[in-house]
């Protein structure tokens, strides 16, 4: 189990390094977004009745830092690419996590989203 977690953290760190370039005019880089929501990975693989507080804190942090349409589209693109690169995520849990954390994301978080349609 410990080695499995190490592999996941190492994989996430590699993603952060590769995708960590700042988004144009964005409040957060993709690497920052990934690190902020990394506590959600365990929940998204094996969801429980409630989202863990560190995950909710990360979701809230990213949501409130993305102030403009460009910021929100950048967050969407980052989360979409990250979601596509992490196998075994529970997609209904992914879509429902923001609402369970009290965050009203104006779009469904899913790997199929067209991030160009995301507005502030």
PDB file of N, CA and C in Angstrom:
ATOM      1  N   UNK A   1       0.834  -1.196   0.000  1.00  0.00           N
ATOM      2  CA  UNK A   1       0.000   0.000   0.000  1.00  0.00           C
ATOM      3  C   UNK A   1       0.874   1.254   0.000  1.00  0.00           C
ATOM      4  N   UNK A   2       1.933   1.262   0.818  1.00  0.00           N
ATOM      5  CA  UNK A   2       2.807   2.431   0.878  1.00  0.00           C
ATOM      6  C   UNK A   2       3.505   2.648  -0.455  1.00  0.00           C
ATOM      7  N   UNK A   3       3.931   1.559  -1.106  1.00  0.00           N
ATOM      8  CA  UNK A   3       4.598   1.718  -2.398  1.00  0.00           C
ATOM      9  C   UNK A   3       3.621   2.214  -3.452  1.00  0.00           C
ATOM     10  N   UNK A   4       2.354   1.802  -3.355  1.00  0.00           N
ATOM     11  CA  UNK A   4       1.333   2.281  -4.279  1.00  0.00           C
ATOM     12  C   UNK A   4       1.138   3.791  -4.131  1.00  0.00           C
ATOM     13  N   UNK A   5       1.103   4.272  -2.909  1.00  0.00           N
ATOM     14  CA  UNK A   5       0.954   5.708  -2.669  1.00  0.00           C
ATOM     15  C   UNK A   5       2.180   6.454  -3.182  1.00  0.00           C
ATOM     16  N   UNK A   6       3.361   5.876  -2.988  1.00  0.00           N
ATOM     17  CA  UNK A   6       4.595   6.496  -3.473  1.00  0.00           C
ATOM     18  C   UNK A   6       4.551   6.641  -4.985  1.00  0.00           C
ATOM     19  N   UNK A   7       4.087   5.604  -5.674  1.00  0.00           N
ATOM     20  CA  UNK A   7       3.980   5.649  -7.135  1.00  0.00           C
ATOM     21  C   UNK A   7       3.011   6.750  -7.554  1.00  0.00           C
ATOM     22  N   UNK A   8       1.880   6.851  -6.870  1.00  0.00           N
ATOM     23  CA  UNK A   8       0.891   7.884  -7.197  1.00  0.00           C
ATOM     24  C   UNK A   8       1.459   9.285  -6.993  1.00  0.00           C
ATOM     25  N   UNK A   9       2.144   9.481  -5.880  1.00  0.00           N
ATOM     26  CA  UNK A   9       2.720  10.801  -5.596  1.00  0.00           C
ATOM     27  C   UNK A   9       3.814  11.130  -6.598  1.00  0.00           C
ATOM     28  N   UNK A  10       4.640  10.134  -6.920  1.00  0.00           N
ATOM     29  CA  UNK A  10       5.693  10.349  -7.910  1.00  0.00           C
ATOM     30  C   UNK A  10       5.092  10.695  -9.264  1.00  0.00           C
ATOM     31  N   UNK A  11       4.042   9.970  -9.655  1.00  0.00           N
ATOM     32  CA  UNK A  11       3.360  10.229 -10.921  1.00  0.00           C
ATOM     33  C   UNK A  11       2.787  11.640 -10.945  1.00  0.00           C
ATOM     34  N   UNK A  12       2.151  12.033  -9.857  1.00  0.00           N
ATOM     35  CA  UNK A  12       1.581  13.378  -9.774  1.00  0.00           C
ATOM     36  C   UNK A  12       2.672  14.439  -9.854  1.00  0.00           C
ATOM     37  N   UNK A  13       3.794  14.191  -9.180  1.00  0.00           N
ATOM     38  CA  UNK A  13       4.907  15.146  -9.232  1.00  0.00           C
ATOM     39  C   UNK A  13       5.442  15.284 -10.650  1.00  0.00           C
ATOM     40  N   UNK A  14       5.529  14.161 -11.380  1.00  0.00           N
ATOM     41  CA  UNK A  14       5.993  14.214 -12.764  1.00  0.00           C
ATOM     42  C   UNK A  14       5.017  15.005 -13.625  1.00  0.00           C
ATOM     43  N   UNK A  15       3.733  14.794 -13.405  1.00  0.00           N
ATOM     44  CA  UNK A  15       2.731  15.561 -14.151  1.00  0.00           C
ATOM     45  C   UNK A  15       2.905  17.050 -13.870  1.00  0.00           C
ATOM     46  N   UNK A  16       3.129  17.372 -12.603  1.00  0.00           N
ATOM     47  CA  UNK A  16       3.295  18.774 -12.219  1.00  0.00           C
ATOM     48  C   UNK A  16       4.498  19.397 -12.914  1.00  0.00           C
ATOM     49  N   UNK A  17       5.573  18.639 -13.030  1.00  0.00           N
ATOM     50  CA  UNK A  17       6.767  19.160 -13.689  1.00  0.00           C
ATOM     51  C   UNK A  17       6.521  19.369 -15.184  1.00  0.00           C
ATOM     52  N   UNK A  18       5.841  18.417 -15.812  1.00  0.00           N
ATOM     53  CA  UNK A  18       5.593  18.507 -17.244  1.00  0.00           C
ATOM     54  C   UNK A  18       4.579  19.596 -17.570  1.00  0.00           C
ATOM     55  N   UNK A  19       3.521  19.664 -16.780  1.00  0.00           N
ATOM     56  CA  UNK A  19       2.439  20.599 -17.065  1.00  0.00           C
ATOM     57  C   UNK A  19       2.504  21.878 -16.236  1.00  0.00           C
ATOM     58  N   UNK A  20       3.583  22.074 -15.535  1.00  0.00           N
ATOM     59  CA  UNK A  20       3.661  23.168 -14.582  1.00  0.00           C
ATOM     60  C   UNK A  20       3.927  24.534 -15.170  1.00  0.00           C
ATOM     61  N   UNK A  21       3.961  24.648 -16.476  1.00  0.00           N
ATOM     62  CA  UNK A  21       4.169  25.958 -17.054  1.00  0.00           C
ATOM     63  C   UNK A  21       2.941  26.821 -16.807  1.00  0.00           C
ATOM     64  N   UNK A  22       3.134  28.074 -16.490  1.00  0.00           N
ATOM     65  CA  UNK A  22       1.984  28.932 -16.206  1.00  0.00           C
ATOM     66  C   UNK A  22       1.059  29.061 -17.404  1.00  0.00           C
ATOM     67  N   UNK A  23      -0.218  29.105 -17.130  1.00  0.00           N
ATOM     68  CA  UNK A  23      -1.211  29.326 -18.161  1.00  0.00           C
ATOM     69  C   UNK A  23      -1.245  30.813 -18.479  1.00  0.00           C
ATOM     70  N   UNK A  24      -1.476  31.152 -19.726  1.00  0.00           N
ATOM     71  CA  UNK A  24      -1.487  32.553 -20.130  1.00  0.00           C
ATOM     72  C   UNK A  24      -2.499  33.340 -19.312  1.00  0.00           C
ATOM     73  N   UNK A  25      -2.041  34.361 -18.656  1.00  0.00           N
ATOM     74  CA  UNK A  25      -2.869  35.253 -17.857  1.00  0.00           C
ATOM     75  C   UNK A  25      -3.675  34.532 -16.784  1.00  0.00           C
ATOM     76  N   UNK A  26      -3.234  33.391 -16.354  1.00  0.00           N
ATOM     77  CA  UNK A  26      -3.998  32.627 -15.373  1.00  0.00           C
ATOM     78  C   UNK A  26      -3.493  32.917 -13.969  1.00  0.00           C
ATOM     79  N   UNK A  27      -4.398  32.764 -13.005  1.00  0.00           N
ATOM     80  CA  UNK A  27      -4.048  32.983 -11.611  1.00  0.00           C
ATOM     81  C   UNK A  27      -3.148  31.866 -11.101  1.00  0.00           C
ATOM     82  N   UNK A  28      -3.305  30.663 -11.638  1.00  0.00           N
ATOM     83  CA  UNK A  28      -2.559  29.494 -11.171  1.00  0.00           C
ATOM     84  C   UNK A  28      -1.963  28.736 -12.340  1.00  0.00           C
ATOM     85  N   UNK A  29      -0.786  28.147 -12.124  1.00  0.00           N
ATOM     86  CA  UNK A  29      -0.243  27.249 -13.141  1.00  0.00           C
ATOM     87  C   UNK A  29      -0.910  25.887 -12.975  1.00  0.00           C
ATOM     88  N   UNK A  30      -0.818  25.069 -13.982  1.00  0.00           N
ATOM     89  CA  UNK A  30      -1.410  23.739 -13.892  1.00  0.00           C
ATOM     90  C   UNK A  30      -0.741  22.951 -12.767  1.00  0.00           C
ATOM     91  N   UNK A  31       0.550  23.095 -12.615  1.00  0.00           N
ATOM     92  CA  UNK A  31       1.244  22.407 -11.523  1.00  0.00           C
ATOM     93  C   UNK A  31       0.718  22.813 -10.162  1.00  0.00           C
ATOM     94  N   UNK A  32       0.448  24.105  -9.984  1.00  0.00           N
ATOM     95  CA  UNK A  32      -0.119  24.585  -8.717  1.00  0.00           C
ATOM     96  C   UNK A  32      -1.512  24.001  -8.501  1.00  0.00           C
ATOM     97  N   UNK A  33      -2.308  23.968  -9.551  1.00  0.00           N
ATOM     98  CA  UNK A  33      -3.659  23.421  -9.450  1.00  0.00           C
ATOM     99  C   UNK A  33      -3.590  21.954  -9.041  1.00  0.00           C
ATOM    100  N   UNK A  34      -2.728  21.202  -9.702  1.00  0.00           N
ATOM    101  CA  UNK A  34      -2.597  19.775  -9.407  1.00  0.00           C
ATOM    102  C   UNK A  34      -2.167  19.543  -7.965  1.00  0.00           C
ATOM    103  N   UNK A  35      -1.202  20.312  -7.495  1.00  0.00           N
ATOM    104  CA  UNK A  35      -0.761  20.147  -6.109  1.00  0.00           C
ATOM    105  C   UNK A  35      -1.869  20.508  -5.128  1.00  0.00           C
ATOM    106  N   UNK A  36      -2.652  21.515  -5.461  1.00  0.00           N
ATOM    107  CA  UNK A  36      -3.713  21.970  -4.573  1.00  0.00           C
ATOM    108  C   UNK A  36      -4.833  20.941  -4.448  1.00  0.00           C
ATOM    109  N   UNK A  37      -5.151  20.263  -5.535  1.00  0.00           N
ATOM    110  CA  UNK A  37      -6.234  19.276  -5.493  1.00  0.00           C
ATOM    111  C   UNK A  37      -5.730  17.835  -5.345  1.00  0.00           C
ATOM    112  N   UNK A  38      -4.435  17.651  -5.202  1.00  0.00           N
ATOM    113  CA  UNK A  38      -3.869  16.300  -5.026  1.00  0.00           C
ATOM    114  C   UNK A  38      -4.509  15.528  -3.866  1.00  0.00           C
ATOM    115  N   UNK A  39      -4.908  16.180  -2.763  1.00  0.00           N
ATOM    116  CA  UNK A  39      -5.559  15.420  -1.686  1.00  0.00           C
ATOM    117  C   UNK A  39      -6.875  14.761  -2.105  1.00  0.00           C
ATOM    118  N   UNK A  40      -7.361  15.065  -3.285  1.00  0.00           N
ATOM    119  CA  UNK A  40      -8.620  14.477  -3.761  1.00  0.00           C
ATOM    120  C   UNK A  40      -8.430  13.120  -4.439  1.00  0.00           C
ATOM    121  N   UNK A  41      -7.218  12.767  -4.798  1.00  0.00           N
ATOM    122  CA  UNK A  41      -6.999  11.559  -5.585  1.00  0.00           C
ATOM    123  C   UNK A  41      -7.534  10.314  -4.889  1.00  0.00           C
ATOM    124  N   UNK A  42      -7.236  10.148  -3.622  1.00  0.00           N
ATOM    125  CA  UNK A  42      -7.724   8.973  -2.897  1.00  0.00           C
ATOM    126  C   UNK A  42      -9.233   8.891  -2.892  1.00  0.00           C
ATOM    127  N   UNK A  43      -9.878  10.016  -2.632  1.00  0.00           N
ATOM    128  CA  UNK A  43     -11.349  10.055  -2.623  1.00  0.00           C
ATOM    129  C   UNK A  43     -11.905   9.727  -4.011  1.00  0.00           C
ATOM    130  N   UNK A  44     -11.278  10.248  -5.053  1.00  0.00           N
ATOM    131  CA  UNK A  44     -11.787  10.046  -6.403  1.00  0.00           C
ATOM    132  C   UNK A  44     -11.569   8.617  -6.903  1.00  0.00           C
ATOM    133  N   UNK A  45     -10.663   7.904  -6.272  1.00  0.00           N
ATOM    134  CA  UNK A  45     -10.461   6.492  -6.631  1.00  0.00           C
ATOM    135  C   UNK A  45     -11.406   5.587  -5.843  1.00  0.00           C
ATOM    136  N   UNK A  46     -11.613   5.898  -4.580  1.00  0.00           N
ATOM    137  CA  UNK A  46     -12.515   5.111  -3.730  1.00  0.00           C
ATOM    138  C   UNK A  46     -13.349   6.077  -2.895  1.00  0.00           C
ATOM    139  N   UNK A  47     -14.413   6.615  -3.492  1.00  0.00           N
ATOM    140  CA  UNK A  47     -15.222   7.619  -2.806  1.00  0.00           C
ATOM    141  C   UNK A  47     -15.902   7.067  -1.553  1.00  0.00           C
ATOM    142  N   UNK A  48     -15.989   7.920  -0.570  1.00  0.00           N
ATOM    143  CA  UNK A  48     -16.713   7.603   0.645  1.00  0.00           C
ATOM    144  C   UNK A  48     -17.945   8.472   0.731  1.00  0.00           C
ATOM    145  N   UNK A  49     -18.581   8.475   1.887  1.00  0.00           N
ATOM    146  CA  UNK A  49     -19.811   9.257   2.034  1.00  0.00           C
ATOM    147  C   UNK A  49     -19.573  10.765   1.995  1.00  0.00           C
ATOM    148  N   UNK A  50     -18.378  11.200   2.385  1.00  0.00           N
ATOM    149  CA  UNK A  50     -18.087  12.637   2.337  1.00  0.00           C
ATOM    150  C   UNK A  50     -16.687  12.863   1.784  1.00  0.00           C
ATOM    151  N   UNK A  51     -16.509  14.030   1.210  1.00  0.00           N
ATOM    152  CA  UNK A  51     -15.209  14.405   0.648  1.00  0.00           C
ATOM    153  C   UNK A  51     -14.302  14.841   1.801  1.00  0.00           C
ATOM    154  N   UNK A  52     -13.067  14.341   1.859  1.00  0.00           N
ATOM    155  CA  UNK A  52     -12.165  14.734   2.940  1.00  0.00           C
ATOM    156  C   UNK A  52     -11.898  16.249   2.936  1.00  0.00           C
ATOM    157  N   UNK A  53     -11.733  16.804   4.112  1.00  0.00           N
ATOM    158  CA  UNK A  53     -11.519  18.255   4.260  1.00  0.00           C
ATOM    159  C   UNK A  53     -10.346  18.775   3.428  1.00  0.00           C
ATOM    160  N   UNK A  54      -9.185  18.111   3.392  1.00  0.00           N
ATOM    161  CA  UNK A  54      -8.090  18.641   2.568  1.00  0.00           C
ATOM    162  C   UNK A  54      -8.448  18.733   1.087  1.00  0.00           C
ATOM    163  N   UNK A  55      -9.255  17.796   0.614  1.00  0.00           N
ATOM    164  CA  UNK A  55      -9.706  17.846  -0.774  1.00  0.00           C
ATOM    165  C   UNK A  55     -10.624  19.049  -0.982  1.00  0.00           C
ATOM    166  N   UNK A  56     -11.597  19.221  -0.103  1.00  0.00           N
ATOM    167  CA  UNK A  56     -12.514  20.371  -0.199  1.00  0.00           C
ATOM    168  C   UNK A  56     -11.750  21.687  -0.117  1.00  0.00           C
ATOM    169  N   UNK A  57     -10.768  21.753   0.760  1.00  0.00           N
ATOM    170  CA  UNK A  57      -9.968  22.974   0.877  1.00  0.00           C
ATOM    171  C   UNK A  57      -9.265  23.275  -0.438  1.00  0.00           C
ATOM    172  N   UNK A  58      -8.744  22.238  -1.107  1.00  0.00           N
ATOM    173  CA  UNK A  58      -8.089  22.427  -2.394  1.00  0.00           C
ATOM    174  C   UNK A  58      -9.051  22.886  -3.471  1.00  0.00           C
ATOM    175  N   UNK A  59     -10.220  22.260  -3.509  1.00  0.00           N
ATOM    176  CA  UNK A  59     -11.238  22.652  -4.494  1.00  0.00           C
ATOM    177  C   UNK A  59     -11.636  24.112  -4.289  1.00  0.00           C
ATOM    178  N   UNK A  60     -11.888  24.487  -3.045  1.00  0.00           N
ATOM    179  CA  UNK A  60     -12.263  25.881  -2.746  1.00  0.00           C
ATOM    180  C   UNK A  60     -11.155  26.851  -3.138  1.00  0.00           C
ATOM    181  N   UNK A  61      -9.931  26.499  -2.804  1.00  0.00           N
ATOM    182  CA  UNK A  61      -8.796  27.364  -3.100  1.00  0.00           C
ATOM    183  C   UNK A  61      -8.675  27.629  -4.598  1.00  0.00           C
ATOM    184  N   UNK A  62      -8.726  26.574  -5.394  1.00  0.00           N
ATOM    185  CA  UNK A  62      -8.622  26.736  -6.849  1.00  0.00           C
ATOM    186  C   UNK A  62      -9.810  27.533  -7.377  1.00  0.00           C
ATOM    187  N   UNK A  63     -11.004  27.225  -6.895  1.00  0.00           N
ATOM    188  CA  UNK A  63     -12.198  27.919  -7.365  1.00  0.00           C
ATOM    189  C   UNK A  63     -12.116  29.429  -7.101  1.00  0.00           C
ATOM    190  N   UNK A  64     -11.712  29.799  -5.898  1.00  0.00           N
ATOM    191  CA  UNK A  64     -11.697  31.220  -5.552  1.00  0.00           C
ATOM    192  C   UNK A  64     -10.518  31.976  -6.157  1.00  0.00           C
ATOM    193  N   UNK A  65      -9.475  31.269  -6.546  1.00  0.00           N
ATOM    194  CA  UNK A  65      -8.346  31.941  -7.195  1.00  0.00           C
ATOM    195  C   UNK A  65      -8.571  32.141  -8.689  1.00  0.00           C
ATOM    196  N   UNK A  66      -9.464  31.379  -9.283  1.00  0.00           N
ATOM    197  CA  UNK A  66      -9.780  31.507 -10.707  1.00  0.00           C
ATOM    198  C   UNK A  66     -10.882  32.549 -10.849  1.00  0.00           C
ATOM    199  N   UNK A  67     -10.491  33.784 -11.057  1.00  0.00           N
ATOM    200  CA  UNK A  67     -11.434  34.902 -11.011  1.00  0.00           C
ATOM    201  C   UNK A  67     -12.023  35.291 -12.370  1.00  0.00           C
ATOM    202  N   UNK A  68     -11.314  34.997 -13.438  1.00  0.00           N
ATOM    203  CA  UNK A  68     -11.770  35.425 -14.765  1.00  0.00           C
ATOM    204  C   UNK A  68     -12.162  34.218 -15.613  1.00  0.00           C
ATOM    205  N   UNK A  69     -12.781  34.494 -16.749  1.00  0.00           N
ATOM    206  CA  UNK A  69     -13.123  33.410 -17.674  1.00  0.00           C
ATOM    207  C   UNK A  69     -11.867  32.674 -18.117  1.00  0.00           C
ATOM    208  N   UNK A  70     -10.807  33.417 -18.435  1.00  0.00           N
ATOM    209  CA  UNK A  70      -9.547  32.782 -18.859  1.00  0.00           C
ATOM    210  C   UNK A  70      -8.987  31.896 -17.747  1.00  0.00           C
ATOM    211  N   UNK A  71      -9.065  32.373 -16.507  1.00  0.00           N
ATOM    212  CA  UNK A  71      -8.599  31.568 -15.370  1.00  0.00           C
ATOM    213  C   UNK A  71      -9.395  30.277 -15.269  1.00  0.00           C
ATOM    214  N   UNK A  72     -10.710  30.388 -15.347  1.00  0.00           N
ATOM    215  CA  UNK A  72     -11.572  29.207 -15.194  1.00  0.00           C
ATOM    216  C   UNK A  72     -11.368  28.220 -16.343  1.00  0.00           C
ATOM    217  N   UNK A  73     -11.169  28.744 -17.553  1.00  0.00           N
ATOM    218  CA  UNK A  73     -10.903  27.856 -18.683  1.00  0.00           C
ATOM    219  C   UNK A  73      -9.557  27.165 -18.509  1.00  0.00           C
ATOM    220  N   UNK A  74      -8.575  27.887 -17.965  1.00  0.00           N
ATOM    221  CA  UNK A  74      -7.268  27.289 -17.699  1.00  0.00           C
ATOM    222  C   UNK A  74      -7.356  26.194 -16.655  1.00  0.00           C
ATOM    223  N   UNK A  75      -8.117  26.434 -15.604  1.00  0.00           N
ATOM    224  CA  UNK A  75      -8.321  25.414 -14.571  1.00  0.00           C
ATOM    225  C   UNK A  75      -9.016  24.205 -15.193  1.00  0.00           C
ATOM    226  N   UNK A  76     -10.018  24.444 -15.993  1.00  0.00           N
ATOM    227  CA  UNK A  76     -10.748  23.371 -16.657  1.00  0.00           C
ATOM    228  C   UNK A  76      -9.798  22.528 -17.505  1.00  0.00           C
ATOM    229  N   UNK A  77      -8.973  23.164 -18.316  1.00  0.00           N
ATOM    230  CA  UNK A  77      -8.040  22.430 -19.179  1.00  0.00           C
ATOM    231  C   UNK A  77      -7.059  21.604 -18.358  1.00  0.00           C
ATOM    232  N   UNK A  78      -6.570  22.194 -17.287  1.00  0.00           N
ATOM    233  CA  UNK A  78      -5.632  21.491 -16.426  1.00  0.00           C
ATOM    234  C   UNK A  78      -6.294  20.270 -15.790  1.00  0.00           C
ATOM    235  N   UNK A  79      -7.470  20.464 -15.218  1.00  0.00           N
ATOM    236  CA  UNK A  79      -8.160  19.355 -14.567  1.00  0.00           C
ATOM    237  C   UNK A  79      -8.555  18.285 -15.577  1.00  0.00           C
ATOM    238  N   UNK A  80      -8.945  18.706 -16.767  1.00  0.00           N
ATOM    239  CA  UNK A  80      -9.321  17.743 -17.802  1.00  0.00           C
ATOM    240  C   UNK A  80      -8.116  16.891 -18.191  1.00  0.00           C
ATOM    241  N   UNK A  81      -6.981  17.525 -18.459  1.00  0.00           N
ATOM    242  CA  UNK A  81      -5.799  16.753 -18.862  1.00  0.00           C
ATOM    243  C   UNK A  81      -5.306  15.867 -17.724  1.00  0.00           C
ATOM    244  N   UNK A  82      -5.403  16.365 -16.500  1.00  0.00           N
ATOM    245  CA  UNK A  82      -4.980  15.577 -15.349  1.00  0.00           C
ATOM    246  C   UNK A  82      -5.908  14.382 -15.163  1.00  0.00           C
ATOM    247  N   UNK A  83      -7.197  14.603 -15.291  1.00  0.00           N
ATOM    248  CA  UNK A  83      -8.176  13.532 -15.152  1.00  0.00           C
ATOM    249  C   UNK A  83      -7.933  12.444 -16.188  1.00  0.00           C
ATOM    250  N   UNK A  84      -7.634  12.845 -17.415  1.00  0.00           N
ATOM    251  CA  UNK A  84      -7.395  11.878 -18.477  1.00  0.00           C
ATOM    252  C   UNK A  84      -6.122  11.079 -18.248  1.00  0.00           C
ATOM    253  N   UNK A  85      -5.179  11.636 -17.487  1.00  0.00           N
ATOM    254  CA  UNK A  85      -3.904  10.953 -17.271  1.00  0.00           C
ATOM    255  C   UNK A  85      -3.888  10.087 -16.010  1.00  0.00           C
ATOM    256  N   UNK A  86      -4.921  10.168 -15.194  1.00  0.00           N
ATOM    257  CA  UNK A  86      -4.975   9.378 -13.961  1.00  0.00           C
ATOM    258  C   UNK A  86      -6.023   8.278 -14.100  1.00  0.00           C
ATOM    259  N   UNK A  87      -5.588   7.053 -14.296  1.00  0.00           N
ATOM    260  CA  UNK A  87      -6.558   5.966 -14.447  1.00  0.00           C
ATOM    261  C   UNK A  87      -7.255   5.642 -13.130  1.00  0.00           C
ATOM    262  N   UNK A  88      -8.437   5.099 -13.247  1.00  0.00           N
ATOM    263  CA  UNK A  88      -9.149   4.591 -12.083  1.00  0.00           C
ATOM    264  C   UNK A  88      -9.948   5.606 -11.294  1.00  0.00           C
ATOM    265  N   UNK A  89     -10.156   6.805 -11.847  1.00  0.00           N
ATOM    266  CA  UNK A  89     -10.954   7.792 -11.127  1.00  0.00           C
ATOM    267  C   UNK A  89     -12.440   7.482 -11.293  1.00  0.00           C
ATOM    268  N   UNK A  90     -13.188   7.699 -10.245  1.00  0.00           N
ATOM    269  CA  UNK A  90     -14.636   7.518 -10.257  1.00  0.00           C
ATOM    270  C   UNK A  90     -15.234   8.817 -10.795  1.00  0.00           C
ATOM    271  N   UNK A  91     -15.714   8.782 -12.032  1.00  0.00           N
ATOM    272  CA  UNK A  91     -16.181  10.011 -12.695  1.00  0.00           C
ATOM    273  C   UNK A  91     -17.399  10.640 -12.023  1.00  0.00           C
ATOM    274  N   UNK A  92     -18.375   9.873 -11.531  1.00  0.00           N
ATOM    275  CA  UNK A  92     -19.467  10.516 -10.789  1.00  0.00           C
ATOM    276  C   UNK A  92     -18.962  11.212  -9.510  1.00  0.00           C
ATOM    277  N   UNK A  93     -17.981  10.626  -8.836  1.00  0.00           N
ATOM    278  CA  UNK A  93     -17.410  11.273  -7.648  1.00  0.00           C
ATOM    279  C   UNK A  93     -16.692  12.552  -8.044  1.00  0.00           C
ATOM    280  N   UNK A  94     -15.998  12.522  -9.177  1.00  0.00           N
ATOM    281  CA  UNK A  94     -15.306  13.711  -9.684  1.00  0.00           C
ATOM    282  C   UNK A  94     -16.304  14.832  -9.969  1.00  0.00           C
ATOM    283  N   UNK A  95     -17.381  14.490 -10.652  1.00  0.00           N
ATOM    284  CA  UNK A  95     -18.389  15.496 -11.003  1.00  0.00           C
ATOM    285  C   UNK A  95     -19.085  16.059  -9.769  1.00  0.00           C
ATOM    286  N   UNK A  96     -19.273  15.233  -8.742  1.00  0.00           N
ATOM    287  CA  UNK A  96     -20.012  15.666  -7.557  1.00  0.00           C
ATOM    288  C   UNK A  96     -19.191  16.275  -6.448  1.00  0.00           C
ATOM    289  N   UNK A  97     -17.870  16.143  -6.508  1.00  0.00           N
ATOM    290  CA  UNK A  97     -17.018  16.627  -5.411  1.00  0.00           C
ATOM    291  C   UNK A  97     -17.185  18.125  -5.131  1.00  0.00           C
ATOM    292  N   UNK A  98     -17.173  18.997  -6.142  1.00  0.00           N
ATOM    293  CA  UNK A  98     -17.316  20.428  -5.821  1.00  0.00           C
ATOM    294  C   UNK A  98     -18.599  20.731  -5.034  1.00  0.00           C
ATOM    295  N   UNK A  99     -19.725  20.176  -5.478  1.00  0.00           N
ATOM    296  CA  UNK A  99     -20.994  20.440  -4.780  1.00  0.00           C
ATOM    297  C   UNK A  99     -20.954  19.907  -3.353  1.00  0.00           C
ATOM    298  N   UNK A 100     -20.356  18.724  -3.154  1.00  0.00           N
ATOM    299  CA  UNK A 100     -20.251  18.168  -1.808  1.00  0.00           C
ATOM    300  C   UNK A 100     -19.368  19.031  -0.912  1.00  0.00           C
ATOM    301  N   UNK A 101     -18.505  19.832  -1.530  1.00  0.00           N
ATOM    302  CA  UNK A 101     -17.633  20.735  -0.773  1.00  0.00           C
ATOM    303  C   UNK A 101     -18.239  22.136  -0.649  1.00  0.00           C
ATOM    304  N   UNK A 102     -19.454  22.310  -1.148  1.00  0.00           N
ATOM    305  CA  UNK A 102     -20.115  23.606  -1.054  1.00  0.00           C
ATOM    306  C   UNK A 102     -19.649  24.607  -2.092  1.00  0.00           C
ATOM    307  N   UNK A 103     -19.080  24.120  -3.192  1.00  0.00           N
ATOM    308  CA  UNK A 103     -18.591  24.996  -4.260  1.00  0.00           C
ATOM    309  C   UNK A 103     -19.498  24.805  -5.467  1.00  0.00           C
ATOM    310  N   UNK A 104     -20.047  25.896  -5.968  1.00  0.00           N
ATOM    311  CA  UNK A 104     -20.956  25.854  -7.101  1.00  0.00           C
ATOM    312  C   UNK A 104     -20.187  26.079  -8.396  1.00  0.00           C
ATOM    313  N   UNK A 105     -19.611  25.009  -8.926  1.00  0.00           N
ATOM    314  CA  UNK A 105     -18.883  25.097 -10.199  1.00  0.00           C
ATOM    315  C   UNK A 105     -19.932  25.136 -11.307  1.00  0.00           C
ATOM    316  N   UNK A 106     -19.864  26.143 -12.194  1.00  0.00           N
ATOM    317  CA  UNK A 106     -20.917  26.309 -13.202  1.00  0.00           C
ATOM    318  C   UNK A 106     -20.817  25.363 -14.394  1.00  0.00           C
ATOM    319  N   UNK A 107     -20.084  24.267 -14.260  1.00  0.00           N
ATOM    320  CA  UNK A 107     -19.998  23.270 -15.311  1.00  0.00           C
ATOM    321  C   UNK A 107     -19.741  21.918 -14.667  1.00  0.00           C
ATOM    322  N   UNK A 108     -20.034  20.853 -15.405  1.00  0.00           N
ATOM    323  CA  UNK A 108     -19.817  19.499 -14.901  1.00  0.00           C
ATOM    324  C   UNK A 108     -18.342  19.143 -15.099  1.00  0.00           C
ATOM    325  N   UNK A 109     -17.672  18.821 -14.031  1.00  0.00           N
ATOM    326  CA  UNK A 109     -16.277  18.420 -14.111  1.00  0.00           C
ATOM    327  C   UNK A 109     -16.242  17.009 -14.682  1.00  0.00           C
ATOM    328  N   UNK A 110     -15.722  16.896 -15.900  1.00  0.00           N
ATOM    329  CA  UNK A 110     -15.676  15.601 -16.583  1.00  0.00           C
ATOM    330  C   UNK A 110     -14.597  15.648 -17.662  1.00  0.00           C
ATOM    331  N   UNK A 111     -14.036  14.507 -18.007  1.00  0.00           N
ATOM    332  CA  UNK A 111     -13.007  14.484 -19.049  1.00  0.00           C
ATOM    333  C   UNK A 111     -13.529  14.866 -20.431  1.00  0.00           C
ATOM    334  N   UNK A 112     -14.824  14.878 -20.620  1.00  0.00           N
ATOM    335  CA  UNK A 112     -15.401  15.191 -21.929  1.00  0.00           C
ATOM    336  C   UNK A 112     -15.771  16.665 -22.094  1.00  0.00           C
ATOM    337  N   UNK A 113     -15.544  17.478 -21.092  1.00  0.00           N
ATOM    338  CA  UNK A 113     -15.972  18.881 -21.164  1.00  0.00           C
ATOM    339  C   UNK A 113     -15.213  19.665 -22.225  1.00  0.00           C
ATOM    340  N   UNK A 114     -15.895  20.573 -22.876  1.00  0.00           N
ATOM    341  CA  UNK A 114     -15.271  21.530 -23.795  1.00  0.00           C
ATOM    342  C   UNK A 114     -14.955  22.762 -22.957  1.00  0.00           C
ATOM    343  N   UNK A 115     -13.714  22.920 -22.594  1.00  0.00           N
ATOM    344  CA  UNK A 115     -13.324  24.009 -21.687  1.00  0.00           C
ATOM    345  C   UNK A 115     -13.518  25.390 -22.293  1.00  0.00           C
ATOM    346  N   UNK A 116     -13.648  25.472 -23.607  1.00  0.00           N
ATOM    347  CA  UNK A 116     -13.896  26.766 -24.253  1.00  0.00           C
ATOM    348  C   UNK A 116     -15.283  27.301 -23.924  1.00  0.00           C
ATOM    349  N   UNK A 117     -16.182  26.444 -23.444  1.00  0.00           N
ATOM    350  CA  UNK A 117     -17.527  26.882 -23.103  1.00  0.00           C
ATOM    351  C   UNK A 117     -17.632  27.382 -21.658  1.00  0.00           C
ATOM    352  N   UNK A 118     -16.581  27.201 -20.880  1.00  0.00           N
ATOM    353  CA  UNK A 118     -16.594  27.618 -19.473  1.00  0.00           C
ATOM    354  C   UNK A 118     -16.519  29.137 -19.394  1.00  0.00           C
ATOM    355  N   UNK A 119     -17.413  29.710 -18.644  1.00  0.00           N
ATOM    356  CA  UNK A 119     -17.462  31.161 -18.449  1.00  0.00           C
ATOM    357  C   UNK A 119     -17.383  31.470 -16.973  1.00  0.00           C
ATOM    358  N   UNK A 120     -17.029  32.706 -16.674  1.00  0.00           N
ATOM    359  CA  UNK A 120     -16.933  33.134 -15.270  1.00  0.00           C
ATOM    360  C   UNK A 120     -18.295  33.246 -14.663  1.00  0.00           C
TER     361      UNK A 120
END
